[in-house]
Amino acid sequence: MQAAPDADTRILGAIALLGVAAFAIICGAAQLVRTDYSVLHTPLSFYALGPFGGVVEASYFALAPGLVALGAGWYRALARNARSAAPLLLFVLGALTLVVTAVEFTDVPNQPPTLHGLVHVLAAGATFLCVTVAMLLQSWRLRHDPRWRVHFRSAFTHAAITFVALWVYALVKTIPRGLAEKVVIALILAWLWRAGWWLVRDRTR
């Protein structure tokens, strides 16, 4: 049985788009205004420290409900036999760990390690893992719904590339850390935007 598109599903997609847009615009602008940081070598977490740090932190809080909305929206949009609670739960977990990442600041270089710095690193890693696995699982579920199957190949390929990029970032330390992390983030945001856009427009063709 196919799920019919409805206003609530489109609203959830719109919430996801707003969260992604807020995060992308604010964090992108931070790369330009924080000239004291290197775009290539400075991870995004450091932009939450110092000037404009509060705005960057707020963008994390904007993206978190967007993740939940996206998971809920796709759960509603898919046919019952294509639904799985796993992607939704992973998006919710990713949202929660993203909030923890924002609240617990990263450690400052050349200073003793702190508990909040450790929590930040663990939460950030959990966020990346939860969201990228959710992307893979959600993409895979598209193939079980005739209405959305047309998007399966591109969505799953995009998610798989992002997942591989995440592990390259985690394991290959010779790549500039800021650049590698931001490439992964950009890939994630692009997938989230496409998924939210499909919900809003009911793009089944």
Protein backbone atom coordinates (compact mmCIF):
# COMPACT_ATOMS: atom_id res chain seq x y z
CA MET A 1 0.00 0.00 0.00
CA GLN A 2 1.39 3.39 -1.01
CA ALA A 3 1.37 6.34 1.37
CA ALA A 4 -0.37 9.39 -0.03
CA PRO A 5 1.49 12.70 0.10
CA ASP A 6 -0.02 15.13 2.59
CA ALA A 7 0.50 18.62 3.96
CA ASP A 8 2.17 17.35 7.14
CA THR A 9 4.81 15.49 5.15
CA ARG A 10 5.56 18.61 3.11
CA ILE A 11 5.79 20.68 6.29
CA LEU A 12 8.30 18.23 7.73
CA GLY A 13 10.30 18.50 4.53
CA ALA A 14 10.20 22.30 4.78
CA ILE A 15 11.46 22.18 8.37
CA ALA A 16 14.34 20.01 7.21
CA LEU A 17 15.17 22.46 4.41
CA LEU A 18 15.13 25.42 6.80
CA GLY A 19 17.48 23.64 9.20
CA VAL A 20 19.90 22.67 6.44
CA ALA A 21 19.81 26.16 4.94
CA ALA A 22 20.44 27.87 8.28
CA PHE A 23 23.38 25.61 9.08
CA ALA A 24 24.91 25.89 5.61
CA ILE A 25 24.56 29.67 5.35
CA ILE A 26 25.84 30.44 8.84
CA CYS A 27 28.73 28.00 8.79
CA GLY A 28 29.61 29.02 5.24
CA ALA A 29 29.64 32.68 6.21
CA ALA A 30 31.84 31.86 9.21
CA GLN A 31 34.52 30.63 6.80
CA LEU A 32 34.64 34.14 5.33
CA VAL A 33 34.43 36.31 8.44
CA ARG A 34 36.78 34.28 10.66
CA THR A 35 39.96 35.25 8.86
CA ASP A 36 41.96 34.16 11.90
CA TYR A 37 41.21 30.55 10.98
CA SER A 38 42.43 28.50 8.04
CA VAL A 39 39.63 27.11 5.89
CA LEU A 40 41.83 24.15 4.99
CA HIS A 41 43.15 23.29 8.43
CA THR A 42 40.56 24.43 11.00
CA PRO A 43 37.67 22.04 11.81
CA LEU A 44 34.20 23.55 12.06
CA SER A 45 34.00 23.11 15.83
CA PHE A 46 36.53 25.89 16.40
CA TYR A 47 34.25 28.41 14.70
CA ALA A 48 31.91 28.07 17.69
CA LEU A 49 34.65 29.68 19.80
CA GLY A 50 35.37 33.40 19.81
CA PRO A 51 33.71 36.03 17.57
CA PHE A 52 30.41 34.92 16.02
CA GLY A 53 30.73 31.65 17.93
CA GLY A 54 27.24 31.95 19.36
CA VAL A 55 25.75 32.26 15.89
CA VAL A 56 27.61 29.17 14.68
CA GLU A 57 26.45 27.30 17.78
CA ALA A 58 22.87 28.36 17.05
CA SER A 59 23.11 26.85 13.57
CA TYR A 60 23.68 23.45 15.18
CA PHE A 61 20.43 23.88 17.10
CA ALA A 62 18.68 24.84 13.86
CA LEU A 63 19.86 21.72 12.04
CA ALA A 64 18.91 19.30 14.85
CA PRO A 65 15.10 19.58 14.46
CA GLY A 66 15.63 19.46 10.71
CA LEU A 67 17.17 16.01 11.06
CA VAL A 68 14.23 14.79 13.13
CA ALA A 69 11.74 16.31 10.69
CA LEU A 70 13.44 14.66 7.73
CA GLY A 71 13.36 11.24 9.36
CA ALA A 72 9.71 11.66 10.33
CA GLY A 73 8.80 13.01 6.91
CA TRP A 74 10.25 10.05 5.07
CA TYR A 75 8.66 7.61 7.48
CA ARG A 76 5.30 9.15 6.58
CA ALA A 77 6.01 9.43 2.86
CA LEU A 78 7.00 5.83 2.19
CA ALA A 79 4.57 2.98 1.68
CA ARG A 80 4.03 0.86 4.78
CA ASN A 81 5.99 -2.08 3.42
CA ALA A 82 8.91 0.26 2.61
CA ARG A 83 9.05 1.97 6.00
CA SER A 84 11.69 1.29 8.60
CA ALA A 85 12.05 2.91 11.99
CA ALA A 86 15.83 2.56 11.85
CA PRO A 87 16.57 5.66 9.73
CA LEU A 88 14.17 7.76 11.81
CA LEU A 89 15.77 6.61 15.07
CA LEU A 90 19.25 7.30 13.72
CA PHE A 91 18.25 10.79 12.59
CA VAL A 92 16.82 11.45 16.08
CA LEU A 93 20.01 10.16 17.72
CA GLY A 94 22.06 12.26 15.32
CA ALA A 95 20.04 15.33 16.29
CA LEU A 96 20.56 14.68 19.99
CA THR A 97 24.31 14.17 19.63
CA LEU A 98 24.49 17.28 17.43
CA VAL A 99 22.99 19.31 20.28
CA VAL A 100 25.55 17.82 22.68
CA THR A 101 28.28 18.72 20.19
CA ALA A 102 27.09 22.33 20.23
CA VAL A 103 26.75 22.57 24.01
CA GLU A 104 30.09 20.96 24.87
CA PHE A 105 32.81 23.06 23.24
CA THR A 106 35.93 21.57 21.72
CA ASP A 107 39.27 21.91 23.48
CA VAL A 108 41.46 24.91 22.70
CA PRO A 109 44.83 24.07 21.11
CA ASN A 110 47.87 24.13 23.40
CA GLN A 111 45.67 23.84 26.48
CA PRO A 112 45.16 20.80 28.76
CA PRO A 113 42.43 18.39 27.60
CA THR A 114 39.07 18.75 29.29
CA LEU A 115 36.03 16.58 29.91
CA HIS A 116 33.83 18.82 27.78
CA GLY A 117 36.36 18.54 24.97
CA LEU A 118 36.21 14.75 25.14
CA VAL A 119 32.41 14.79 25.19
CA HIS A 120 32.44 17.12 22.18
CA VAL A 121 34.68 14.80 20.15
CA LEU A 122 32.62 11.71 21.01
CA ALA A 123 29.32 13.47 20.29
CA ALA A 124 30.59 14.85 16.98
CA GLY A 125 31.75 11.41 15.89
CA ALA A 126 28.42 9.90 16.90
CA THR A 127 26.58 12.57 14.92
CA PHE A 128 28.56 11.89 11.75
CA LEU A 129 28.07 8.14 12.12
CA CYS A 130 24.35 8.26 12.95
CA VAL A 131 23.48 10.65 10.14
CA THR A 132 25.52 8.93 7.42
CA VAL A 133 24.19 5.48 8.33
CA ALA A 134 20.66 6.93 8.42
CA MET A 135 21.25 8.32 4.92
CA LEU A 136 22.29 4.89 3.66
CA LEU A 137 19.34 3.10 5.25
CA GLN A 138 16.80 5.71 4.18
CA SER A 139 18.11 5.63 0.62
CA TRP A 140 17.86 1.85 0.58
CA ARG A 141 14.22 1.96 1.66
CA LEU A 142 13.33 4.02 -1.42
CA ARG A 143 13.78 0.99 -3.64
CA HIS A 144 10.83 -0.72 -1.91
CA ASP A 145 8.34 2.05 -2.78
CA PRO A 146 7.23 2.32 -6.44
CA ARG A 147 6.50 6.04 -5.98
CA TRP A 148 9.99 6.88 -4.78
CA ARG A 149 12.08 4.17 -6.41
CA VAL A 150 13.19 6.58 -9.13
CA HIS A 151 15.38 8.34 -6.54
CA PHE A 152 16.94 5.20 -5.10
CA ARG A 153 20.05 5.03 -7.25
CA SER A 154 21.11 8.67 -6.93
CA ALA A 155 20.24 8.87 -3.23
CA PHE A 156 22.04 5.64 -2.33
CA THR A 157 25.10 6.50 -4.44
CA HIS A 158 25.32 9.91 -2.80
CA ALA A 159 24.96 8.38 0.67
CA ALA A 160 27.59 5.72 -0.07
CA ILE A 161 30.09 8.32 -1.32
CA THR A 162 29.48 10.35 1.83
CA PHE A 163 29.99 7.30 4.06
CA VAL A 164 33.29 6.48 2.34
CA ALA A 165 34.38 10.13 2.59
CA LEU A 166 33.66 10.05 6.33
CA TRP A 167 35.98 7.09 6.83
CA VAL A 168 38.66 8.64 4.63
CA TYR A 169 38.46 11.72 6.85
CA ALA A 170 38.65 9.58 9.99
CA LEU A 171 41.52 7.34 8.89
CA VAL A 172 43.69 9.36 6.49
CA LYS A 173 45.38 11.94 8.69
CA THR A 174 47.54 13.43 5.92
CA ILE A 175 44.56 15.25 4.41
CA PRO A 176 44.07 18.76 5.89
CA ARG A 177 41.61 18.22 8.74
CA GLY A 178 39.48 21.25 8.07
CA LEU A 179 39.15 20.51 4.36
CA ALA A 180 38.36 16.82 4.84
CA GLU A 181 35.73 17.50 7.50
CA LYS A 182 34.05 20.25 5.49
CA VAL A 183 33.86 18.06 2.39
CA VAL A 184 32.04 15.41 4.44
CA ILE A 185 29.72 18.04 5.93
CA ALA A 186 28.98 19.47 2.48
CA LEU A 187 28.12 16.01 1.16
CA ILE A 188 25.81 15.39 4.12
CA LEU A 189 24.06 18.74 3.71
CA ALA A 190 23.59 18.17 -0.02
CA TRP A 191 21.94 14.79 0.61
CA LEU A 192 19.72 16.22 3.35
CA TRP A 193 18.68 19.10 1.09
CA ARG A 194 17.76 16.80 -1.79
CA ALA A 195 15.78 14.51 0.52
CA GLY A 196 13.92 17.45 2.05
CA TRP A 197 13.25 18.98 -1.36
CA TRP A 198 11.71 15.76 -2.64
CA LEU A 199 9.33 15.74 0.32
CA VAL A 200 8.30 19.36 -0.19
CA ARG A 201 7.77 19.02 -3.92
CA ASP A 202 6.57 15.40 -3.84
CA ARG A 203 9.15 14.73 -6.54
CA THR A 204 8.35 11.16 -7.47
CA ARG A 205 9.26 11.54 -11.13
